[in-house]
N, C-alpha and C. Protein backbone atom coordinates (compact mmCIF):
# COMPACT_ATOMS: atom_id res chain seq x y z
N MET A 1 0.87 -1.21 0.00
CA MET A 1 0.00 0.00 0.00
C MET A 1 0.91 1.24 0.01
N SER A 2 0.67 2.15 -0.94
CA SER A 2 1.49 3.31 -1.00
C SER A 2 0.86 4.48 -0.16
N LYS A 3 1.73 5.24 0.39
CA LYS A 3 1.31 6.40 1.20
C LYS A 3 1.02 7.58 0.29
N GLU A 4 -0.13 8.19 0.44
CA GLU A 4 -0.45 9.32 -0.36
C GLU A 4 0.28 10.54 0.33
N LEU A 5 0.95 11.33 -0.47
CA LEU A 5 1.75 12.44 0.05
C LEU A 5 0.79 13.64 0.17
N ASN A 6 0.97 14.41 1.20
CA ASN A 6 0.23 15.66 1.42
C ASN A 6 1.20 16.81 1.62
N ASN A 7 0.75 17.96 1.18
CA ASN A 7 1.43 19.20 1.46
C ASN A 7 0.62 19.92 2.56
N GLU A 8 0.86 19.64 3.79
CA GLU A 8 0.07 20.22 4.89
C GLU A 8 0.73 21.48 5.38
N VAL A 9 0.24 22.62 4.92
CA VAL A 9 0.72 23.96 5.43
C VAL A 9 -0.10 24.22 6.67
N MET A 10 0.66 24.42 7.81
CA MET A 10 0.02 24.59 9.09
C MET A 10 -0.21 26.00 9.52
N GLU A 11 0.77 26.84 9.18
CA GLU A 11 0.73 28.23 9.57
C GLU A 11 1.83 29.06 8.92
N ILE A 12 1.83 30.36 9.03
CA ILE A 12 2.93 31.20 8.62
C ILE A 12 3.90 31.25 9.79
N LYS A 13 5.17 30.92 9.54
CA LYS A 13 6.20 31.03 10.55
C LYS A 13 6.68 32.45 10.65
N HIS A 14 7.03 33.05 9.50
CA HIS A 14 7.41 34.46 9.49
C HIS A 14 7.28 35.06 8.09
N MET A 15 7.28 36.40 8.10
CA MET A 15 7.37 37.17 6.86
C MET A 15 8.62 37.94 6.91
N ALA A 16 9.41 37.90 5.82
CA ALA A 16 10.65 38.62 5.84
C ALA A 16 10.58 39.75 4.84
N PHE A 17 10.97 40.96 5.33
CA PHE A 17 11.02 42.13 4.49
C PHE A 17 12.42 42.58 4.25
N ALA A 18 12.74 42.85 2.98
CA ALA A 18 14.04 43.41 2.66
C ALA A 18 14.00 44.88 2.91
N VAL A 19 14.98 45.40 3.69
CA VAL A 19 15.01 46.79 4.01
C VAL A 19 16.45 47.35 3.79
N GLU A 20 16.57 48.62 3.51
CA GLU A 20 17.86 49.20 3.35
C GLU A 20 18.44 49.59 4.69
N ASP A 21 17.62 50.02 5.65
CA ASP A 21 18.06 50.48 6.90
C ASP A 21 17.08 50.05 8.00
N ILE A 22 17.46 49.09 8.82
CA ILE A 22 16.60 48.52 9.86
C ILE A 22 16.18 49.62 10.82
N GLU A 23 17.08 50.45 11.26
CA GLU A 23 16.71 51.47 12.21
C GLU A 23 15.56 52.37 11.72
N GLN A 24 15.78 52.79 10.41
CA GLN A 24 14.77 53.69 9.78
C GLN A 24 13.44 52.98 9.62
N SER A 25 13.47 51.71 9.19
CA SER A 25 12.21 51.00 9.03
C SER A 25 11.52 50.76 10.37
N LEU A 26 12.29 50.52 11.42
CA LEU A 26 11.64 50.33 12.74
C LEU A 26 10.90 51.55 13.26
N ILE A 27 11.39 52.75 12.80
CA ILE A 27 10.66 53.97 13.20
C ILE A 27 9.25 53.94 12.69
N TYR A 28 9.04 53.52 11.48
CA TYR A 28 7.71 53.48 10.89
C TYR A 28 6.90 52.37 11.54
N TYR A 29 7.48 51.23 11.85
CA TYR A 29 6.75 50.16 12.51
C TYR A 29 6.30 50.57 13.91
N LYS A 30 7.20 51.31 14.55
CA LYS A 30 6.86 51.83 15.90
C LYS A 30 5.83 52.93 15.84
N ASP A 31 6.00 53.90 14.98
CA ASP A 31 5.08 55.03 14.91
C ASP A 31 3.74 54.67 14.32
N PHE A 32 3.70 53.97 13.23
CA PHE A 32 2.46 53.72 12.58
C PHE A 32 1.69 52.53 13.11
N LEU A 33 2.43 51.44 13.53
CA LEU A 33 1.76 50.22 13.97
C LEU A 33 1.85 49.95 15.43
N GLY A 34 2.62 50.83 16.15
CA GLY A 34 2.74 50.65 17.60
C GLY A 34 3.58 49.51 18.04
N VAL A 35 4.41 49.04 17.12
CA VAL A 35 5.35 47.89 17.57
C VAL A 35 6.38 48.48 18.43
N SER A 36 6.50 48.00 19.65
CA SER A 36 7.52 48.56 20.54
C SER A 36 8.06 47.50 21.49
N LYS A 37 7.36 46.41 21.71
CA LYS A 37 7.83 45.41 22.67
C LYS A 37 8.68 44.34 21.99
N GLU A 38 9.68 43.91 22.69
CA GLU A 38 10.43 42.70 22.31
C GLU A 38 10.90 42.71 20.90
N ILE A 39 11.56 43.78 20.46
CA ILE A 39 12.17 43.83 19.17
C ILE A 39 13.63 43.40 19.38
N GLU A 40 13.99 42.30 18.74
CA GLU A 40 15.33 41.78 18.86
C GLU A 40 16.09 42.01 17.54
N ILE A 41 17.25 42.62 17.61
CA ILE A 41 18.10 42.83 16.43
C ILE A 41 19.30 41.93 16.57
N GLN A 42 19.46 41.12 15.49
CA GLN A 42 20.54 40.13 15.51
C GLN A 42 21.41 40.27 14.23
N ASP A 43 22.69 40.12 14.39
CA ASP A 43 23.60 40.05 13.24
C ASP A 43 23.83 38.57 13.01
N MET A 44 23.65 38.18 11.71
CA MET A 44 23.83 36.79 11.29
C MET A 44 25.17 36.76 10.53
N PRO A 45 26.26 36.26 11.21
CA PRO A 45 27.60 36.40 10.56
C PRO A 45 27.84 35.52 9.35
N VAL A 46 27.12 34.42 9.26
CA VAL A 46 27.36 33.54 8.10
C VAL A 46 26.71 34.15 6.83
N SER A 47 25.45 34.61 6.96
CA SER A 47 24.75 35.17 5.79
C SER A 47 25.03 36.66 5.65
N ARG A 48 25.75 37.27 6.57
CA ARG A 48 26.06 38.68 6.55
C ARG A 48 24.76 39.53 6.43
N THR A 49 23.81 39.21 7.31
CA THR A 49 22.55 39.86 7.40
C THR A 49 22.24 40.37 8.76
N ARG A 50 21.67 41.52 8.85
CA ARG A 50 21.21 42.07 10.14
C ARG A 50 19.68 41.89 10.12
N VAL A 51 19.06 41.39 11.19
CA VAL A 51 17.66 41.07 11.18
C VAL A 51 17.08 41.64 12.49
N ALA A 52 15.92 42.39 12.28
CA ALA A 52 15.08 42.85 13.44
C ALA A 52 13.95 41.91 13.48
N VAL A 53 13.70 41.28 14.58
CA VAL A 53 12.60 40.26 14.72
C VAL A 53 11.60 40.79 15.78
N PHE A 54 10.34 40.71 15.39
CA PHE A 54 9.22 41.07 16.33
C PHE A 54 7.95 40.46 15.86
N ASN A 55 6.97 40.39 16.71
CA ASN A 55 5.68 39.80 16.36
C ASN A 55 4.62 40.92 16.31
N ILE A 56 3.72 40.73 15.35
CA ILE A 56 2.44 41.47 15.35
C ILE A 56 1.40 40.34 15.41
N GLY A 57 0.74 40.26 16.50
CA GLY A 57 -0.16 39.15 16.77
C GLY A 57 0.64 37.79 16.78
N GLU A 58 0.23 36.84 16.06
CA GLU A 58 0.94 35.61 16.04
C GLU A 58 1.96 35.47 14.95
N ILE A 59 2.08 36.54 14.12
CA ILE A 59 2.99 36.46 12.99
C ILE A 59 4.32 37.11 13.37
N GLU A 60 5.39 36.39 13.10
CA GLU A 60 6.74 36.92 13.24
C GLU A 60 7.15 37.73 12.01
N TYR A 61 7.62 38.92 12.29
CA TYR A 61 8.15 39.80 11.17
C TYR A 61 9.64 39.80 11.28
N GLN A 62 10.32 39.74 10.16
CA GLN A 62 11.80 39.85 10.11
C GLN A 62 12.11 41.00 9.14
N LEU A 63 12.74 42.05 9.61
CA LEU A 63 13.26 43.12 8.78
C LEU A 63 14.70 42.73 8.50
N CYS A 64 15.03 42.49 7.21
CA CYS A 64 16.37 41.98 6.86
C CYS A 64 17.20 42.98 6.03
N GLN A 65 18.36 43.28 6.57
CA GLN A 65 19.22 44.24 5.96
C GLN A 65 20.57 43.61 5.64
N SER A 66 21.02 43.64 4.40
CA SER A 66 22.33 43.09 4.04
C SER A 66 23.36 43.91 4.73
N MET A 67 24.42 43.26 5.18
CA MET A 67 25.55 43.91 5.83
C MET A 67 26.67 44.28 4.79
N ASP A 68 26.48 43.74 3.59
CA ASP A 68 27.41 44.01 2.45
C ASP A 68 26.64 44.61 1.26
N PRO A 69 27.26 45.50 0.52
CA PRO A 69 26.58 46.11 -0.60
C PRO A 69 26.06 45.16 -1.63
N ASP A 70 26.71 44.04 -1.84
CA ASP A 70 26.26 43.00 -2.80
C ASP A 70 25.53 41.84 -2.11
N GLY A 71 25.02 42.08 -0.89
CA GLY A 71 24.36 41.02 -0.13
C GLY A 71 22.99 40.68 -0.74
N ARG A 72 22.46 39.56 -0.30
CA ARG A 72 21.20 39.03 -0.74
C ARG A 72 20.06 40.06 -0.81
N PHE A 73 19.80 40.75 0.30
CA PHE A 73 18.69 41.63 0.34
C PHE A 73 18.95 42.95 -0.45
N ASN A 74 20.18 43.42 -0.50
CA ASN A 74 20.51 44.56 -1.28
C ASN A 74 20.31 44.27 -2.78
N LYS A 75 20.69 43.08 -3.22
CA LYS A 75 20.51 42.70 -4.58
C LYS A 75 19.04 42.70 -4.94
N TRP A 76 18.20 42.14 -4.04
CA TRP A 76 16.78 42.03 -4.25
C TRP A 76 16.17 43.46 -4.31
N ILE A 77 16.58 44.34 -3.43
CA ILE A 77 16.10 45.73 -3.43
C ILE A 77 16.49 46.41 -4.77
N ASN A 78 17.75 46.23 -5.17
CA ASN A 78 18.27 46.86 -6.38
C ASN A 78 17.48 46.42 -7.63
N GLU A 79 17.15 45.10 -7.66
CA GLU A 79 16.46 44.51 -8.82
C GLU A 79 15.00 45.10 -8.94
N ARG A 80 14.40 45.39 -7.78
CA ARG A 80 13.02 45.86 -7.76
C ARG A 80 12.85 47.37 -7.60
N GLY A 81 13.94 48.01 -7.23
CA GLY A 81 13.95 49.50 -7.07
C GLY A 81 13.49 49.94 -5.68
N ARG A 82 13.08 49.01 -4.81
CA ARG A 82 12.70 49.35 -3.46
C ARG A 82 12.60 48.11 -2.61
N GLY A 83 12.56 48.25 -1.29
CA GLY A 83 12.43 47.13 -0.40
C GLY A 83 10.94 46.65 -0.35
N GLY A 84 10.71 45.64 0.43
CA GLY A 84 9.35 45.13 0.60
C GLY A 84 9.32 43.69 1.05
N LEU A 85 8.19 43.09 0.88
CA LEU A 85 7.98 41.65 1.32
C LEU A 85 8.82 40.81 0.43
N HIS A 86 9.80 40.14 1.05
CA HIS A 86 10.83 39.36 0.35
C HIS A 86 10.37 37.90 0.31
N HIS A 87 10.04 37.27 1.47
CA HIS A 87 9.56 35.94 1.43
C HIS A 87 8.63 35.64 2.62
N ILE A 88 7.81 34.62 2.48
CA ILE A 88 6.98 34.09 3.52
C ILE A 88 7.44 32.68 3.81
N CYS A 89 7.63 32.40 5.10
CA CYS A 89 8.03 31.07 5.56
C CYS A 89 6.77 30.37 6.06
N TYR A 90 6.41 29.26 5.39
CA TYR A 90 5.25 28.47 5.86
C TYR A 90 5.71 27.24 6.56
N VAL A 91 5.10 26.94 7.74
CA VAL A 91 5.37 25.73 8.47
C VAL A 91 4.56 24.60 7.84
N VAL A 92 5.28 23.55 7.55
CA VAL A 92 4.61 22.33 7.02
C VAL A 92 4.81 21.14 7.96
N LYS A 93 3.90 20.26 7.85
CA LYS A 93 3.94 19.09 8.77
C LYS A 93 5.13 18.20 8.41
N ASN A 94 5.34 17.92 7.15
CA ASN A 94 6.47 17.02 6.74
C ASN A 94 7.12 17.71 5.51
N LEU A 95 8.33 18.21 5.69
CA LEU A 95 9.00 18.92 4.64
C LEU A 95 9.28 18.09 3.44
N ASP A 96 9.74 16.86 3.62
CA ASP A 96 10.02 16.06 2.47
C ASP A 96 8.76 15.74 1.60
N ASP A 97 7.60 15.45 2.25
CA ASP A 97 6.35 15.26 1.57
C ASP A 97 5.93 16.52 0.82
N SER A 98 6.05 17.69 1.50
CA SER A 98 5.64 18.94 0.84
C SER A 98 6.49 19.21 -0.36
N ILE A 99 7.75 18.99 -0.30
CA ILE A 99 8.64 19.21 -1.40
C ILE A 99 8.24 18.32 -2.60
N LYS A 100 8.01 17.06 -2.33
CA LYS A 100 7.62 16.08 -3.37
C LYS A 100 6.31 16.53 -4.06
N VAL A 101 5.31 16.89 -3.19
CA VAL A 101 4.02 17.30 -3.80
C VAL A 101 4.20 18.57 -4.66
N MET A 102 4.91 19.52 -4.17
CA MET A 102 5.09 20.77 -4.92
C MET A 102 5.95 20.51 -6.16
N GLN A 103 6.94 19.66 -6.16
CA GLN A 103 7.74 19.37 -7.34
C GLN A 103 6.84 18.63 -8.34
N SER A 104 5.90 17.81 -7.89
CA SER A 104 5.05 17.11 -8.82
C SER A 104 4.09 18.05 -9.56
N LYS A 105 3.97 19.23 -8.99
CA LYS A 105 3.12 20.27 -9.58
C LYS A 105 3.96 21.35 -10.28
N GLY A 106 5.30 21.11 -10.49
CA GLY A 106 6.12 22.00 -11.27
C GLY A 106 7.05 22.87 -10.47
N ALA A 107 7.07 22.81 -9.16
CA ALA A 107 7.98 23.63 -8.40
C ALA A 107 9.41 23.09 -8.49
N THR A 108 10.36 24.06 -8.43
CA THR A 108 11.78 23.68 -8.34
C THR A 108 12.29 24.30 -7.08
N LEU A 109 13.42 23.70 -6.61
CA LEU A 109 14.09 24.18 -5.37
C LEU A 109 15.10 25.22 -5.70
N ARG A 110 15.28 26.16 -4.79
CA ARG A 110 16.27 27.23 -4.84
C ARG A 110 17.34 26.99 -3.83
N GLU A 111 18.54 27.37 -4.12
CA GLU A 111 19.66 27.27 -3.12
C GLU A 111 19.39 28.25 -2.01
N CYS A 112 19.56 27.76 -0.75
CA CYS A 112 19.56 28.67 0.38
C CYS A 112 20.84 29.54 0.35
N GLN A 113 20.58 30.83 0.25
CA GLN A 113 21.70 31.73 0.07
C GLN A 113 22.62 31.80 1.29
N ALA A 114 22.10 31.51 2.47
CA ALA A 114 22.91 31.55 3.68
C ALA A 114 23.82 30.28 3.78
N CYS A 115 23.30 29.16 3.40
CA CYS A 115 23.92 27.83 3.63
C CYS A 115 24.55 27.23 2.33
N LYS A 116 24.11 27.76 1.17
CA LYS A 116 24.51 27.24 -0.10
C LYS A 116 24.15 25.82 -0.34
N VAL A 117 22.89 25.47 0.18
CA VAL A 117 22.39 24.11 0.08
C VAL A 117 21.01 24.22 -0.62
N THR A 118 20.73 23.31 -1.53
CA THR A 118 19.40 23.23 -2.18
C THR A 118 18.62 22.07 -1.58
N GLY A 119 17.41 22.37 -1.22
CA GLY A 119 16.56 21.31 -0.67
C GLY A 119 16.57 21.36 0.89
N ASN A 120 16.04 20.24 1.40
CA ASN A 120 15.87 20.09 2.85
C ASN A 120 17.21 20.13 3.61
N HIS A 121 17.34 21.06 4.54
CA HIS A 121 18.52 21.14 5.31
C HIS A 121 18.28 21.86 6.64
N PRO A 122 19.13 21.64 7.66
CA PRO A 122 18.91 22.23 8.98
C PRO A 122 19.22 23.74 9.02
N HIS A 123 18.42 24.44 9.81
CA HIS A 123 18.54 25.88 10.00
C HIS A 123 18.33 26.15 11.48
N PRO A 124 18.38 27.35 11.96
CA PRO A 124 18.27 27.57 13.39
C PRO A 124 16.97 27.03 14.08
N GLU A 125 15.81 27.09 13.37
CA GLU A 125 14.57 26.73 14.01
C GLU A 125 13.95 25.46 13.50
N GLY A 126 14.49 24.96 12.36
CA GLY A 126 13.89 23.78 11.76
C GLY A 126 14.55 23.45 10.43
N PHE A 127 14.04 22.34 9.83
CA PHE A 127 14.59 21.99 8.53
C PHE A 127 13.81 22.85 7.48
N ILE A 128 14.56 23.39 6.53
CA ILE A 128 13.97 24.33 5.57
C ILE A 128 14.32 24.00 4.15
N ALA A 129 13.55 24.58 3.21
CA ALA A 129 13.82 24.54 1.80
C ALA A 129 13.24 25.77 1.18
N PHE A 130 13.81 26.27 0.16
CA PHE A 130 13.30 27.41 -0.59
C PHE A 130 12.85 26.96 -1.97
N LEU A 131 11.75 27.56 -2.46
CA LEU A 131 11.30 27.28 -3.82
C LEU A 131 11.88 28.28 -4.75
N ASP A 132 12.25 27.88 -5.95
CA ASP A 132 12.69 28.80 -6.96
C ASP A 132 11.51 29.53 -7.55
N ASN A 133 10.36 28.97 -7.41
CA ASN A 133 9.11 29.59 -7.95
C ASN A 133 8.65 30.64 -6.93
N GLU A 134 8.28 31.81 -7.50
CA GLU A 134 7.76 32.86 -6.66
C GLU A 134 6.24 32.87 -6.82
N VAL A 135 5.54 33.29 -5.86
CA VAL A 135 4.08 33.47 -5.92
C VAL A 135 3.83 34.96 -5.82
N ASP A 136 3.36 35.60 -6.87
CA ASP A 136 3.12 37.04 -6.91
C ASP A 136 4.39 37.83 -6.53
N ASN A 137 5.53 37.39 -7.01
CA ASN A 137 6.82 38.06 -6.79
C ASN A 137 7.37 37.95 -5.38
N ILE A 138 6.87 36.94 -4.62
CA ILE A 138 7.30 36.70 -3.24
C ILE A 138 7.93 35.33 -3.17
N GLU A 139 9.09 35.23 -2.61
CA GLU A 139 9.75 33.93 -2.45
C GLU A 139 8.99 33.10 -1.36
N ILE A 140 9.09 31.79 -1.54
CA ILE A 140 8.45 30.86 -0.64
C ILE A 140 9.55 30.02 0.10
N GLU A 141 9.48 30.00 1.41
CA GLU A 141 10.31 29.15 2.23
C GLU A 141 9.39 28.17 2.98
N LEU A 142 9.81 26.95 3.02
CA LEU A 142 9.06 25.89 3.78
C LEU A 142 9.87 25.51 4.98
N MET A 143 9.25 25.27 6.14
CA MET A 143 9.92 24.89 7.31
C MET A 143 9.22 23.77 8.07
N GLN A 144 9.94 22.76 8.47
CA GLN A 144 9.39 21.76 9.39
C GLN A 144 10.09 22.05 10.68
N VAL A 145 9.31 22.60 11.65
CA VAL A 145 9.91 23.02 12.92
C VAL A 145 10.47 21.83 13.70
N TYR A 146 11.60 22.04 14.32
CA TYR A 146 12.28 20.96 15.09
C TYR A 146 11.44 20.53 16.26
N SER A 147 11.59 19.18 16.56
CA SER A 147 11.10 18.63 17.81
C SER A 147 12.08 19.15 18.95
N GLN A 148 11.75 18.97 20.15
CA GLN A 148 12.64 19.34 21.26
C GLN A 148 14.05 18.69 21.11
N GLU A 149 14.05 17.45 20.75
CA GLU A 149 15.31 16.68 20.59
C GLU A 149 16.12 17.26 19.45
N GLU A 150 15.44 17.58 18.30
CA GLU A 150 16.16 18.10 17.21
C GLU A 150 16.67 19.53 17.49
N LEU A 151 15.93 20.30 18.22
CA LEU A 151 16.33 21.65 18.60
C LEU A 151 17.67 21.59 19.30
N GLU A 152 17.81 20.66 20.21
CA GLU A 152 19.06 20.50 20.96
C GLU A 152 20.20 20.05 20.00
N LYS A 153 19.89 19.08 19.15
CA LYS A 153 20.88 18.57 18.21
C LYS A 153 21.37 19.61 17.21
N TYR A 154 20.55 20.51 16.81
CA TYR A 154 20.93 21.51 15.76
C TYR A 154 21.14 22.90 16.31
N LYS A 155 21.37 23.01 17.61
CA LYS A 155 21.55 24.34 18.12
C LYS A 155 22.83 25.10 17.60
N SER A 156 23.72 24.34 17.06
CA SER A 156 24.95 24.97 16.47
C SER A 156 24.63 25.75 15.21
N TYR A 157 23.42 25.66 14.64
CA TYR A 157 23.06 26.41 13.47
C TYR A 157 22.60 27.82 13.76
N GLN A 158 22.62 28.25 15.00
CA GLN A 158 22.24 29.62 15.35
C GLN A 158 23.23 30.62 14.66
N GLY A 159 22.76 31.73 14.25
CA GLY A 159 23.67 32.73 13.62
C GLY A 159 23.76 32.62 12.17
N ILE A 160 22.97 31.81 11.46
CA ILE A 160 23.10 31.65 10.05
C ILE A 160 22.60 32.91 9.40
């Protein structure tokens, strides 16, 4: 008996916005949307990205600024002429199943620019994969969140 594969999207993990200047962007989020609590700014040494992380309701926002002129987010901004919604990360129940279902419908995988890996691989919070296909000009990231045991095993991936 063969197992039927499902692409079970459970929730949005985060939305990542490409910005030129995190501090300037945070002014707008604070002034216009009242975001003020628990804003964490992190420098990711491997990907050379500065990220401001905060929640609005249940959704995690990530403001992403390249630390280098030719960095991932700067390139994206330069291609489009301005910053904006770069990608949405969807939590899936089983990453391998989701990838197979999406590939059967024409999706292709994109290399993770931080890790230089294509397909399912460990990241700070879970196993991830990026699609090369964009939906309405927005990149898609899929994540299978770690179990408690996996979180301990892959804690060395912090700072990507």
